[in-house]
Protein backbone atom coordinates (compact mmCIF):
# COMPACT_ATOMS: atom_id res chain seq x y z
CA MET A 1 -37.23 81.50 79.38
CA HIS A 2 -34.11 80.11 80.97
CA PHE A 3 -32.09 82.57 78.91
CA ALA A 4 -33.72 85.31 80.95
CA PHE A 5 -34.46 83.81 84.35
CA ASN A 6 -31.50 82.00 85.82
CA ARG A 7 -29.48 81.28 88.90
CA ALA A 8 -26.80 83.88 88.07
CA SER A 9 -23.90 81.43 87.96
CA THR A 10 -20.93 81.96 85.65
CA GLY A 11 -22.27 79.82 82.81
CA CYS A 12 -25.73 81.36 82.88
CA PRO A 13 -26.99 84.29 80.84
CA ALA A 14 -26.41 87.78 82.20
CA LEU A 15 -29.10 89.13 84.49
CA ARG A 16 -31.23 91.92 83.09
CA ASN A 17 -30.95 95.22 84.96
CA ARG A 18 -34.66 96.02 84.54
CA ALA A 19 -37.91 94.21 85.26
CA TYR A 20 -39.72 92.24 82.57
CA THR A 21 -43.04 93.87 81.79
CA GLY A 22 -46.29 92.37 80.56
CA MET A 23 -46.64 94.31 77.33
CA GLU A 24 -43.00 93.93 76.32
CA ARG A 25 -42.20 90.57 77.93
CA GLU A 26 -42.22 88.45 74.76
CA GLN A 27 -39.82 90.77 72.96
CA GLN A 28 -37.65 91.08 76.07
CA LEU A 29 -37.38 87.27 76.31
CA LYS A 30 -36.48 86.99 72.61
CA THR A 31 -33.81 89.66 73.05
CA ALA A 32 -32.35 87.81 76.05
CA ALA A 33 -32.25 84.54 74.09
CA ARG A 34 -30.54 86.15 71.09
CA ALA A 35 -27.99 87.88 73.32
CA PHE A 36 -27.11 84.63 75.07
CA LEU A 37 -26.91 82.59 71.87
CA SER A 38 -24.68 85.17 70.17
CA ASN A 39 -22.29 85.36 73.15
CA ARG A 40 -19.10 83.83 71.72
CA SER A 41 -17.68 83.15 75.17
CA ARG A 42 -20.48 80.61 75.71
CA ASN A 43 -21.52 79.45 72.24
CA LYS A 44 -19.27 79.24 69.21
CA ILE A 45 -18.40 77.36 66.06
CA ASN A 46 -15.13 75.48 66.27
CA GLU A 47 -14.22 75.54 62.59
CA GLU A 48 -11.11 73.41 63.02
CA ALA A 49 -13.08 70.58 64.65
CA GLU A 50 -16.20 71.36 62.58
CA LYS A 51 -18.28 71.43 65.74
CA LEU A 52 -20.77 73.72 67.38
CA GLU A 53 -19.70 74.30 70.98
CA VAL A 54 -22.59 75.44 73.13
CA SER A 55 -22.96 76.40 76.77
CA GLU A 56 -23.38 73.64 79.34
CA ILE A 57 -26.74 75.21 80.10
CA PHE A 58 -28.11 73.12 77.24
CA ASP A 59 -27.10 69.93 79.05
CA TRP A 60 -29.08 71.12 82.04
CA LEU A 61 -32.11 72.05 79.93
CA VAL A 62 -32.17 68.67 78.19
CA SER A 63 -31.86 66.69 81.42
CA ARG A 64 -34.90 68.36 82.99
């Protein structure tokens, strides 16, 4: 859910420009998660270092 509902800071996922609705909410949340995870400015594979570099949002999620 944090991929959809966030505090709108620079490192967070983009805010949706429409409301989440009951009937479509599950699909809307999956779409938001996929969009955030595929955003190469926040999550990427560093082939030279052979590392997955992910957004700092994951540090926050793990520490909660």
